[in-house]
Amino acid sequence: MKLASRIMVQGHTMSISRRENSVLSDRRDSEEPGLENARELDTRIEPRATVIVNADDWGRDVATSDRTLDCMLHGAISSVSAMVFMEDSERGADLARQYGIGTGLHLNFTLRYSARNCPRGLMDRQELIRRFLTSSRLAPIFYHRRLVTSFDYVVKAQLEEYERLYGTKVNRVDGHHHMHLCRNVIVQELIPACAIVRRNLSFRNGEKGYFNRLYRRRQDQRLARRHPMTDFFFDLQPMAPIERLKEICLLARQFNVEIETHPIRDSEYAFLMRGGLAGCAEQVAVARDYMLRSHGPGNGAENPAVHQQEWRISR
């Protein structure tokens, strides 16, 4: 519990961007902590703990962007991860500026680019990477020497395109199908230093095999030497039983917790539009942006929580 206390009392809060959307702030400011629900979860829970709910695939296509925007205006998500060189990337950037939506880069190696203006050479290099990464379930853990130049080219192109579209350098990165964690990207250190990086998924003890968890833990420890990260990261699914989501929200009273969501999925869109996490755990609010309670950039390795791969809840 010493670690939890140390994290909670940090005076420094790091924010990727500040959203000024009155629709969201008015809704959340009017909410009061649900004390009855707090007792149900844990009598020691601190009021108004926040959890980061991040929507992936922003800009992939019109339907994805529109559904995500619905959830954003409904106050059910905190931020988005934007794809570049996709059919709705340009409009997605315009919408993000219009509504003050916090964005990060959603690196894409496996879904073919669909923007009309995508350079042919970039598409060819991405195709080489795509074939490799999708050739086997284990392919991402191997370092491909012949693709070093292609990985470097494709990542730099996406970083530059994001900067062109959003008018700012990338300061948060994750990946489509979590491929930002593939061996080449990590070994080549292609993600800008001190940018926030999404960690591996967190699991309960015994949920994954020992060597699987060991590999993920070592990978996170390596990333933490250069990048800030959350303490825990979960997928919104499965949404049943609801106790799973309540327990995940409970972690947010002590740790930085990110939950990824894909509003293009009917079940997730319906859940988020019905109130989302705020509806199932009243003592936990959805963060207004992608914010970390942190010691500062680049010191994730000093945070013992970064070594926690398993999902443990102190009772």
Foldseek 3Di string as FASTA:
>chain_A
DVLLVVLLPFPDKDFQFDFPAPLQVVVVVPADFDQVLCVVLPNPFDFAQAAAEEEEAQQQDDLQVVLVVLLLSLQLHAAYAYEPLHCRRLVSLVVCVVRVGRYAHAQELADQRHHPPDDPVLNVLSVVSNCQPPVDVCSLADADPVSLVSVLVNLVVRQVRCCVRNVDGGQEYAYDVRSCLGPSNLVVVNDDFLRAYEADAAAAVPPDDPVVLVVSLVSLLSNLQGYDYWLHEEECPPCPPVVVLSLQQSCSSRTHYYYYYRCSDPVRSVCSSVPHSCVSRVRYHHHNHNMGSDPGTRNSNVNVSSSRRYDDDDD
